[in-house]
């Protein structure tokens, strides 16, 4: 008789699935089978929770000193997974497509859109990296502009003229005295 293998997990077997993930997938499957609006909303929330869990490793790498990101799911009429104040993820019209959007002063722009969680995680990763770089640039204090070296005080041009005039007059007087002495 052969016994079922119950000893440890082999590396070729997939890792154990968490009960929370299994419950979320069960909710999604239940929502897919029924057309009830409430179940569709629950499916949206469940899919956003799955995506939120997929983003955990990314946000674990963000230093604690950076407080740009406030991730969480809002459960309003349209459930949203907020990444920060201006970017969030909503489900598309078919309730299966993730849509990563950012609110700007010119309106809402779609940063990524996909049925695949990995694509959205990659888009959020790029967004987080760009926001962190923007923060670094904003935090850099530009050096204070150096005041140009003060020009030397402007000297009066009268004194060099007077000095040259006196020196020239003395030289002419000296030449005149020498000429007079030689003529004697």
Protein backbone atom coordinates (compact mmCIF):
# COMPACT_ATOMS: atom_id res chain seq x y z
CA UNK A 1 0.00 0.00 0.00
CA UNK A 2 1.19 3.42 -0.71
CA UNK A 3 0.68 6.22 1.76
CA UNK A 4 -0.09 9.72 0.67
CA UNK A 5 2.88 11.96 1.05
CA UNK A 6 2.38 14.19 4.06
CA UNK A 7 5.95 14.98 4.91
CA UNK A 8 7.53 18.38 4.26
CA UNK A 9 6.96 20.60 1.28
CA UNK A 10 9.18 20.04 -1.72
CA UNK A 11 10.63 22.94 -3.64
CA UNK A 12 8.74 21.82 -6.74
CA UNK A 13 5.39 22.23 -4.98
CA UNK A 14 3.84 25.69 -4.81
CA UNK A 15 4.05 27.48 -1.50
CA UNK A 16 1.04 27.15 0.81
CA UNK A 17 -1.79 29.54 0.12
CA UNK A 18 -2.98 31.76 2.90
CA UNK A 19 -6.57 31.37 4.00
CA UNK A 20 -7.17 35.08 3.46
CA UNK A 21 -6.15 34.76 -0.21
CA UNK A 22 -8.36 31.72 -0.63
CA UNK A 23 -11.32 33.58 0.87
CA UNK A 24 -10.75 36.55 -1.42
CA UNK A 25 -10.58 34.30 -4.47
CA UNK A 26 -13.77 32.54 -3.33
CA UNK A 27 -15.53 35.93 -3.06
CA UNK A 28 -14.37 36.84 -6.55
CA UNK A 29 -15.61 33.54 -7.96
CA UNK A 30 -18.94 33.99 -6.20
CA UNK A 31 -19.26 37.50 -7.62
CA UNK A 32 -18.38 36.22 -11.09
CA UNK A 33 -21.21 33.69 -10.92
CA UNK A 34 -23.85 36.12 -9.78
CA UNK A 35 -24.87 39.37 -11.35
CA UNK A 36 -25.91 41.07 -8.15
CA UNK A 37 -24.54 44.59 -7.78
CA UNK A 38 -23.57 44.09 -4.15
CA UNK A 39 -21.57 41.02 -5.04
CA UNK A 40 -19.85 42.95 -7.84
CA UNK A 41 -18.89 45.65 -5.39
CA UNK A 42 -17.56 42.97 -3.01
CA UNK A 43 -15.62 41.52 -5.93
CA UNK A 44 -14.11 44.95 -6.62
CA UNK A 45 -13.05 45.29 -3.01
CA UNK A 46 -11.69 41.74 -2.98
CA UNK A 47 -9.63 42.35 -6.13
CA UNK A 48 -8.31 45.59 -4.70
CA UNK A 49 -7.36 43.74 -1.50
CA UNK A 50 -5.46 41.16 -3.56
CA UNK A 51 -3.62 43.96 -5.33
CA UNK A 52 -2.97 45.67 -2.00
CA UNK A 53 -1.39 42.45 -0.70
CA UNK A 54 0.72 42.22 -3.87
CA UNK A 55 2.02 45.74 -3.17
CA UNK A 56 3.18 44.87 0.37
CA UNK A 57 6.76 43.93 -0.68
CA UNK A 58 7.13 47.23 -2.57
CA UNK A 59 6.01 49.41 0.32
CA UNK A 60 8.11 47.39 2.77
CA UNK A 61 11.14 48.74 0.89
CA UNK A 62 10.12 52.40 1.20
CA UNK A 63 12.08 54.00 4.07
CA UNK A 64 10.07 54.95 7.13
CA UNK A 65 11.33 58.53 6.85
CA UNK A 66 9.40 59.00 3.61
CA UNK A 67 5.78 59.78 4.35
CA UNK A 68 4.56 60.46 0.82
CA UNK A 69 2.45 57.34 0.54
CA UNK A 70 -0.75 56.59 2.41
CA UNK A 71 -1.98 53.32 1.03
CA UNK A 72 -5.45 52.07 1.85
CA UNK A 73 -8.77 50.99 0.39
CA UNK A 74 -11.68 53.40 0.54
CA UNK A 75 -15.05 51.70 0.55
CA UNK A 76 -17.25 54.40 -0.94
CA UNK A 77 -19.60 54.08 -3.90
CA UNK A 78 -16.53 53.34 -6.01
CA UNK A 79 -13.97 51.34 -4.03
CA UNK A 80 -10.43 52.65 -4.55
CA UNK A 81 -6.97 51.55 -3.52
CA UNK A 82 -5.16 54.79 -2.70
CA UNK A 83 -1.42 54.93 -3.24
CA UNK A 84 -1.01 58.54 -2.19
CA UNK A 85 -3.08 61.70 -2.19
CA UNK A 86 -3.28 61.99 -5.98
CA UNK A 87 -2.97 58.42 -7.29
CA UNK A 88 -5.31 55.49 -6.85
CA UNK A 89 -6.46 52.26 -8.46
CA UNK A 90 -10.07 51.61 -9.40
CA UNK A 91 -11.68 48.73 -11.19
CA UNK A 92 -12.74 49.20 -14.81
CA UNK A 93 -16.29 48.92 -16.10
CA UNK A 94 -16.02 45.15 -16.43
CA UNK A 95 -14.98 44.93 -12.75
CA UNK A 96 -11.98 42.78 -13.70
CA UNK A 97 -9.61 45.39 -15.12
CA UNK A 98 -7.40 47.44 -12.82
CA UNK A 99 -7.06 51.11 -13.74
CA UNK A 100 -4.21 53.06 -12.12
CA UNK A 101 -5.02 56.78 -12.33
CA UNK A 102 -3.53 60.04 -11.13
CA UNK A 103 -5.38 63.28 -10.52
CA UNK A 104 -3.54 66.29 -11.93
CA UNK A 105 -4.43 69.94 -12.24
CA UNK A 106 -5.35 69.23 -15.86
CA UNK A 107 -7.66 66.32 -15.03
CA UNK A 108 -7.35 62.61 -14.38
CA UNK A 109 -4.81 60.61 -16.37
CA UNK A 110 -4.57 56.84 -16.67
CA UNK A 111 -1.07 55.64 -15.78
CA UNK A 112 -1.73 51.93 -16.40
CA UNK A 113 -4.60 49.63 -17.18
CA UNK A 114 -4.55 45.83 -17.16
CA UNK A 115 -6.27 42.65 -16.07
CA UNK A 116 -2.93 41.41 -14.75
CA UNK A 117 -1.93 42.29 -11.19
CA UNK A 118 1.80 42.10 -12.03
CA UNK A 119 1.46 44.85 -14.66
CA UNK A 120 -0.22 47.17 -12.18
CA UNK A 121 2.36 46.35 -9.48
CA UNK A 122 5.10 47.29 -11.97
CA UNK A 123 3.33 50.57 -12.82
CA UNK A 124 2.92 51.42 -9.12
CA UNK A 125 6.59 50.59 -8.55
CA UNK A 126 7.61 53.03 -11.29
CA UNK A 127 5.27 55.67 -9.88
CA UNK A 128 6.64 55.28 -6.35
CA UNK A 129 10.21 55.56 -7.66
CA UNK A 130 9.37 58.75 -9.58
CA UNK A 131 7.67 60.28 -6.55
CA UNK A 132 10.66 59.49 -4.34
CA UNK A 133 13.03 61.13 -6.86
CA UNK A 134 10.75 64.19 -7.02
CA UNK A 135 10.88 64.35 -3.22
CA UNK A 136 14.68 64.18 -3.24
CA UNK A 137 14.85 67.05 -5.72
CA UNK A 138 12.40 69.10 -3.67
CA UNK A 139 14.33 68.47 -0.45
CA UNK A 140 17.66 69.61 -1.88
CA UNK A 141 18.43 73.09 -0.64
CA UNK A 142 20.16 75.06 -3.38
CA UNK A 143 23.31 76.82 -2.21
CA UNK A 144 22.82 80.42 -1.32
CA UNK A 145 23.92 82.61 -4.19
CA UNK A 146 27.26 84.17 -3.46
CA UNK A 147 27.17 87.91 -3.49
CA UNK A 148 29.53 89.12 -6.19
CA UNK A 149 32.79 90.42 -4.84
CA UNK A 150 32.38 94.04 -3.96
CA UNK A 151 34.20 96.14 -6.51
CA UNK A 152 37.12 98.02 -5.06
CA UNK A 153 36.16 101.46 -3.89
CA UNK A 154 36.25 103.90 -6.72
CA UNK A 155 39.11 106.28 -6.37
CA UNK A 156 38.93 109.82 -7.40
CA UNK A 157 40.63 110.53 -10.72
CA UNK A 158 41.63 114.01 -9.59
CA UNK A 159 44.59 112.97 -7.42
CA UNK A 160 46.49 111.09 -10.13
CA UNK A 161 46.03 114.12 -12.38
CA UNK A 162 47.33 116.52 -9.74
CA UNK A 163 50.30 114.21 -8.97
CA UNK A 164 51.17 113.95 -12.70
CA UNK A 165 50.87 117.71 -13.12
CA UNK A 166 53.17 118.44 -10.17
CA UNK A 167 55.69 115.80 -11.30
CA UNK A 168 55.68 117.20 -14.87
CA UNK A 169 56.12 120.76 -13.60
CA UNK A 170 59.04 119.66 -11.40
CA UNK A 171 60.67 117.87 -14.34
CA UNK A 172 60.34 120.98 -16.55
CA UNK A 173 61.77 123.11 -13.78
CA UNK A 174 64.68 120.69 -13.43
CA UNK A 175 65.36 120.74 -17.18
CA UNK A 176 65.23 124.53 -17.16
CA UNK A 177 67.70 124.71 -14.27
CA UNK A 178 70.11 122.32 -16.01
CA UNK A 179 69.91 124.28 -19.23
CA UNK A 180 70.66 127.49 -17.41
CA UNK A 181 73.63 125.98 -15.59
CA UNK A 182 75.16 124.65 -18.80
CA UNK A 183 74.85 127.94 -20.56
CA UNK A 184 76.99 129.67 -17.94
